[in-house]
Amino acid sequence: MSTQPNYWSDPTPQQGAAIEPVLKRALYKRKPIGAPRRHSLYDLYRAMLSVVVS
């Protein structure tokens, strides 16, 4: 989880847990390449949602 401030568009932890398997399938259809992730899938979901909502 993130230590960033909460915004009204942020998903709840339950919503984040529900979307995490979908994000994993979308991101890891192939063998992961490159550097390890710096941000959690929950943080990526928050960022995508904030762009869509604003």
PDB file of N, CA and C in Angstrom:
ATOM      1  N   MET A   1       0.837  -1.184   0.000  1.00  0.00           N
ATOM      2  CA  MET A   1       0.000   0.000   0.000  1.00  0.00           C
ATOM      3  C   MET A   1       0.878   1.242   0.000  1.00  0.00           C
ATOM      4  N   SER A   2       0.281   2.288  -0.340  1.00  0.00           N
ATOM      5  CA  SER A   2       0.993   3.539  -0.522  1.00  0.00           C
ATOM      6  C   SER A   2       0.910   4.412   0.725  1.00  0.00           C
ATOM      7  N   THR A   3       1.888   5.300   0.864  1.00  0.00           N
ATOM      8  CA  THR A   3       1.847   6.281   1.947  1.00  0.00           C
ATOM      9  C   THR A   3       1.464   7.651   1.412  1.00  0.00           C
ATOM     10  N   GLN A   4       0.970   7.687   0.187  1.00  0.00           N
ATOM     11  CA  GLN A   4       0.562   8.950  -0.422  1.00  0.00           C
ATOM     12  C   GLN A   4      -0.771   9.385   0.168  1.00  0.00           C
ATOM     13  N   PRO A   5      -1.099  10.669   0.047  1.00  0.00           N
ATOM     14  CA  PRO A   5      -2.383  11.140   0.567  1.00  0.00           C
ATOM     15  C   PRO A   5      -3.552  10.484  -0.161  1.00  0.00           C
ATOM     16  N   ASN A   6      -4.663  10.402   0.528  1.00  0.00           N
ATOM     17  CA  ASN A   6      -5.861   9.822  -0.067  1.00  0.00           C
ATOM     18  C   ASN A   6      -6.666  10.894  -0.774  1.00  0.00           C
ATOM     19  N   TYR A   7      -7.228  10.521  -1.901  1.00  0.00           N
ATOM     20  CA  TYR A   7      -8.090  11.401  -2.671  1.00  0.00           C
ATOM     21  C   TYR A   7      -9.448  10.745  -2.834  1.00  0.00           C
ATOM     22  N   TRP A   8     -10.456  11.510  -3.178  1.00  0.00           N
ATOM     23  CA  TRP A   8     -11.798  10.965  -3.292  1.00  0.00           C
ATOM     24  C   TRP A   8     -11.905   9.920  -4.393  1.00  0.00           C
ATOM     25  N   SER A   9     -11.011   9.964  -5.374  1.00  0.00           N
ATOM     26  CA  SER A   9     -11.058   8.988  -6.462  1.00  0.00           C
ATOM     27  C   SER A   9     -10.333   7.689  -6.134  1.00  0.00           C
ATOM     28  N   ASP A  10      -9.664   7.624  -4.984  1.00  0.00           N
ATOM     29  CA  ASP A  10      -8.918   6.424  -4.630  1.00  0.00           C
ATOM     30  C   ASP A  10      -9.847   5.246  -4.380  1.00  0.00           C
ATOM     31  N   PRO A  11      -9.456   4.078  -4.854  1.00  0.00           N
ATOM     32  CA  PRO A  11     -10.253   2.887  -4.571  1.00  0.00           C
ATOM     33  C   PRO A  11     -10.045   2.447  -3.125  1.00  0.00           C
ATOM     34  N   THR A  12     -10.999   1.727  -2.607  1.00  0.00           N
ATOM     35  CA  THR A  12     -10.850   1.161  -1.263  1.00  0.00           C
ATOM     36  C   THR A  12      -9.899  -0.028  -1.360  1.00  0.00           C
ATOM     37  N   PRO A  13      -9.341  -0.477  -0.249  1.00  0.00           N
ATOM     38  CA  PRO A  13      -8.484  -1.671  -0.305  1.00  0.00           C
ATOM     39  C   PRO A  13      -9.217  -2.891  -0.867  1.00  0.00           C
ATOM     40  N   GLN A  14     -10.524  -2.996  -0.607  1.00  0.00           N
ATOM     41  CA  GLN A  14     -11.296  -4.116  -1.144  1.00  0.00           C
ATOM     42  C   GLN A  14     -11.379  -4.031  -2.668  1.00  0.00           C
ATOM     43  N   GLN A  15     -11.567  -2.827  -3.189  1.00  0.00           N
ATOM     44  CA  GLN A  15     -11.606  -2.649  -4.645  1.00  0.00           C
ATOM     45  C   GLN A  15     -10.229  -2.933  -5.246  1.00  0.00           C
ATOM     46  N   GLY A  16      -9.188  -2.519  -4.560  1.00  0.00           N
ATOM     47  CA  GLY A  16      -7.830  -2.797  -5.027  1.00  0.00           C
ATOM     48  C   GLY A  16      -7.538  -4.286  -5.063  1.00  0.00           C
ATOM     49  N   ALA A  17      -8.015  -5.009  -4.044  1.00  0.00           N
ATOM     50  CA  ALA A  17      -7.814  -6.458  -4.005  1.00  0.00           C
ATOM     51  C   ALA A  17      -8.602  -7.153  -5.110  1.00  0.00           C
ATOM     52  N   ALA A  18      -9.760  -6.603  -5.460  1.00  0.00           N
ATOM     53  CA  ALA A  18     -10.573  -7.206  -6.508  1.00  0.00           C
ATOM     54  C   ALA A  18      -9.959  -6.988  -7.890  1.00  0.00           C
ATOM     55  N   ILE A  19      -9.310  -5.860  -8.114  1.00  0.00           N
ATOM     56  CA  ILE A  19      -8.756  -5.561  -9.438  1.00  0.00           C
ATOM     57  C   ILE A  19      -7.343  -6.123  -9.615  1.00  0.00           C
ATOM     58  N   GLU A  20      -6.656  -6.453  -8.534  1.00  0.00           N
ATOM     59  CA  GLU A  20      -5.272  -6.919  -8.627  1.00  0.00           C
ATOM     60  C   GLU A  20      -5.104  -8.154  -9.515  1.00  0.00           C
ATOM     61  N   PRO A  21      -5.950  -9.187  -9.416  1.00  0.00           N
ATOM     62  CA  PRO A  21      -5.781 -10.331 -10.325  1.00  0.00           C
ATOM     63  C   PRO A  21      -5.945  -9.954 -11.799  1.00  0.00           C
ATOM     64  N   VAL A  22      -6.831  -9.019 -12.080  1.00  0.00           N
ATOM     65  CA  VAL A  22      -7.034  -8.572 -13.464  1.00  0.00           C
ATOM     66  C   VAL A  22      -5.783  -7.860 -13.966  1.00  0.00           C
ATOM     67  N   LEU A  23      -5.201  -6.997 -13.134  1.00  0.00           N
ATOM     68  CA  LEU A  23      -3.979  -6.293 -13.529  1.00  0.00           C
ATOM     69  C   LEU A  23      -2.827  -7.267 -13.725  1.00  0.00           C
ATOM     70  N   LYS A  24      -2.724  -8.261 -12.857  1.00  0.00           N
ATOM     71  CA  LYS A  24      -1.645  -9.243 -12.996  1.00  0.00           C
ATOM     72  C   LYS A  24      -1.761  -9.993 -14.313  1.00  0.00           C
ATOM     73  N   ARG A  25      -2.975 -10.396 -14.675  1.00  0.00           N
ATOM     74  CA  ARG A  25      -3.169 -11.102 -15.953  1.00  0.00           C
ATOM     75  C   ARG A  25      -2.824 -10.195 -17.126  1.00  0.00           C
ATOM     76  N   ALA A  26      -3.220  -8.925 -17.048  1.00  0.00           N
ATOM     77  CA  ALA A  26      -2.960  -7.998 -18.153  1.00  0.00           C
ATOM     78  C   ALA A  26      -1.469  -7.678 -18.276  1.00  0.00           C
ATOM     79  N   LEU A  27      -0.788  -7.548 -17.150  1.00  0.00           N
ATOM     80  CA  LEU A  27       0.621  -7.156 -17.178  1.00  0.00           C
ATOM     81  C   LEU A  27       1.565  -8.321 -17.408  1.00  0.00           C
ATOM     82  N   TYR A  28       1.141  -9.524 -17.057  1.00  0.00           N
ATOM     83  CA  TYR A  28       2.061 -10.660 -17.108  1.00  0.00           C
ATOM     84  C   TYR A  28       1.577 -11.755 -18.034  1.00  0.00           C
ATOM     85  N   LYS A  29       1.057 -11.377 -19.208  1.00  0.00           N
ATOM     86  CA  LYS A  29       0.695 -12.389 -20.199  1.00  0.00           C
ATOM     87  C   LYS A  29       1.944 -13.137 -20.644  1.00  0.00           C
ATOM     88  N   ARG A  30       3.047 -12.408 -20.691  1.00  0.00           N
ATOM     89  CA  ARG A  30       4.324 -12.993 -21.060  1.00  0.00           C
ATOM     90  C   ARG A  30       5.239 -12.998 -19.843  1.00  0.00           C
ATOM     91  N   LYS A  31       6.384 -13.596 -20.018  1.00  0.00           N
ATOM     92  CA  LYS A  31       7.382 -13.613 -18.963  1.00  0.00           C
ATOM     93  C   LYS A  31       7.834 -12.178 -18.689  1.00  0.00           C
ATOM     94  N   PRO A  32       7.840 -11.747 -17.412  1.00  0.00           N
ATOM     95  CA  PRO A  32       8.259 -10.376 -17.106  1.00  0.00           C
ATOM     96  C   PRO A  32       9.703 -10.116 -17.544  1.00  0.00           C
ATOM     97  N   ILE A  33       9.930  -8.944 -18.116  1.00  0.00           N
ATOM     98  CA  ILE A  33      11.280  -8.567 -18.526  1.00  0.00           C
ATOM     99  C   ILE A  33      11.598  -7.203 -17.913  1.00  0.00           C
ATOM    100  N   GLY A  34      12.853  -6.912 -17.819  1.00  0.00           N
ATOM    101  CA  GLY A  34      13.262  -5.615 -17.301  1.00  0.00           C
ATOM    102  C   GLY A  34      13.445  -5.618 -15.801  1.00  0.00           C
ATOM    103  N   ALA A  35      13.502  -4.436 -15.259  1.00  0.00           N
ATOM    104  CA  ALA A  35      13.737  -4.259 -13.829  1.00  0.00           C
ATOM    105  C   ALA A  35      12.496  -4.632 -13.022  1.00  0.00           C
ATOM    106  N   PRO A  36      12.674  -4.999 -11.762  1.00  0.00           N
ATOM    107  CA  PRO A  36      11.520  -5.275 -10.910  1.00  0.00           C
ATOM    108  C   PRO A  36      10.678  -4.019 -10.721  1.00  0.00           C
ATOM    109  N   ARG A  37       9.420  -4.216 -10.433  1.00  0.00           N
ATOM    110  CA  ARG A  37       8.518  -3.077 -10.237  1.00  0.00           C
ATOM    111  C   ARG A  37       8.924  -2.254  -9.024  1.00  0.00           C
ATOM    112  N   ARG A  38       8.778  -0.950  -9.129  1.00  0.00           N
ATOM    113  CA  ARG A  38       9.020  -0.049  -8.001  1.00  0.00           C
ATOM    114  C   ARG A  38       7.742   0.259  -7.251  1.00  0.00           C
ATOM    115  N   HIS A  39       6.601   0.110  -7.937  1.00  0.00           N
ATOM    116  CA  HIS A  39       5.317   0.481  -7.360  1.00  0.00           C
ATOM    117  C   HIS A  39       4.397  -0.727  -7.344  1.00  0.00           C
ATOM    118  N   SER A  40       3.540  -0.776  -6.351  1.00  0.00           N
ATOM    119  CA  SER A  40       2.606  -1.890  -6.247  1.00  0.00           C
ATOM    120  C   SER A  40       1.516  -1.759  -7.303  1.00  0.00           C
ATOM    121  N   LEU A  41       0.832  -2.853  -7.554  1.00  0.00           N
ATOM    122  CA  LEU A  41      -0.279  -2.817  -8.502  1.00  0.00           C
ATOM    123  C   LEU A  41      -1.383  -1.904  -7.991  1.00  0.00           C
ATOM    124  N   TYR A  42      -1.549  -1.841  -6.688  1.00  0.00           N
ATOM    125  CA  TYR A  42      -2.553  -0.950  -6.099  1.00  0.00           C
ATOM    126  C   TYR A  42      -2.228   0.507  -6.433  1.00  0.00           C
ATOM    127  N   ASP A  43      -0.963   0.882  -6.326  1.00  0.00           N
ATOM    128  CA  ASP A  43      -0.556   2.250  -6.665  1.00  0.00           C
ATOM    129  C   ASP A  43      -0.756   2.540  -8.152  1.00  0.00           C
ATOM    130  N   LEU A  44      -0.469   1.565  -9.002  1.00  0.00           N
ATOM    131  CA  LEU A  44      -0.699   1.746 -10.433  1.00  0.00           C
ATOM    132  C   LEU A  44      -2.184   1.918 -10.721  1.00  0.00           C
ATOM    133  N   TYR A  45      -3.008   1.142 -10.051  1.00  0.00           N
ATOM    134  CA  TYR A  45      -4.455   1.249 -10.220  1.00  0.00           C
ATOM    135  C   TYR A  45      -4.951   2.622  -9.767  1.00  0.00           C
ATOM    136  N   ARG A  46      -4.430   3.120  -8.641  1.00  0.00           N
ATOM    137  CA  ARG A  46      -4.799   4.457  -8.157  1.00  0.00           C
ATOM    138  C   ARG A  46      -4.445   5.516  -9.186  1.00  0.00           C
ATOM    139  N   ALA A  47      -3.252   5.397  -9.771  1.00  0.00           N
ATOM    140  CA  ALA A  47      -2.809   6.386 -10.763  1.00  0.00           C
ATOM    141  C   ALA A  47      -3.690   6.351 -12.005  1.00  0.00           C
ATOM    142  N   MET A  48      -3.988   5.151 -12.499  1.00  0.00           N
ATOM    143  CA  MET A  48      -4.840   5.043 -13.687  1.00  0.00           C
ATOM    144  C   MET A  48      -6.238   5.592 -13.401  1.00  0.00           C
ATOM    145  N   LEU A  49      -6.773   5.281 -12.248  1.00  0.00           N
ATOM    146  CA  LEU A  49      -8.113   5.739 -11.896  1.00  0.00           C
ATOM    147  C   LEU A  49      -8.156   7.269 -11.763  1.00  0.00           C
ATOM    148  N   SER A  50      -7.114   7.860 -11.201  1.00  0.00           N
ATOM    149  CA  SER A  50      -7.111   9.311 -11.041  1.00  0.00           C
ATOM    150  C   SER A  50      -7.074  10.018 -12.396  1.00  0.00           C
ATOM    151  N   VAL A  51      -6.403   9.410 -13.389  1.00  0.00           N
ATOM    152  CA  VAL A  51      -6.362  10.003 -14.722  1.00  0.00           C
ATOM    153  C   VAL A  51      -7.733   9.882 -15.390  1.00  0.00           C
ATOM    154  N   VAL A  52      -8.363   8.735 -15.233  1.00  0.00           N
ATOM    155  CA  VAL A  52      -9.664   8.512 -15.868  1.00  0.00           C
ATOM    156  C   VAL A  52     -10.734   9.407 -15.243  1.00  0.00           C
ATOM    157  N   VAL A  53     -10.697   9.566 -13.934  1.00  0.00           N
ATOM    158  CA  VAL A  53     -11.728  10.336 -13.223  1.00  0.00           C
ATOM    159  C   VAL A  53     -11.576  11.834 -13.470  1.00  0.00           C
ATOM    160  N   SER A  54     -10.331  12.335 -13.573  1.00  0.00           N
ATOM    161  CA  SER A  54     -10.156  13.777 -13.723  1.00  0.00           C
ATOM    162  C   SER A  54     -10.332  14.260 -15.118  1.00  0.00           C
TER     163      SER A  54
END
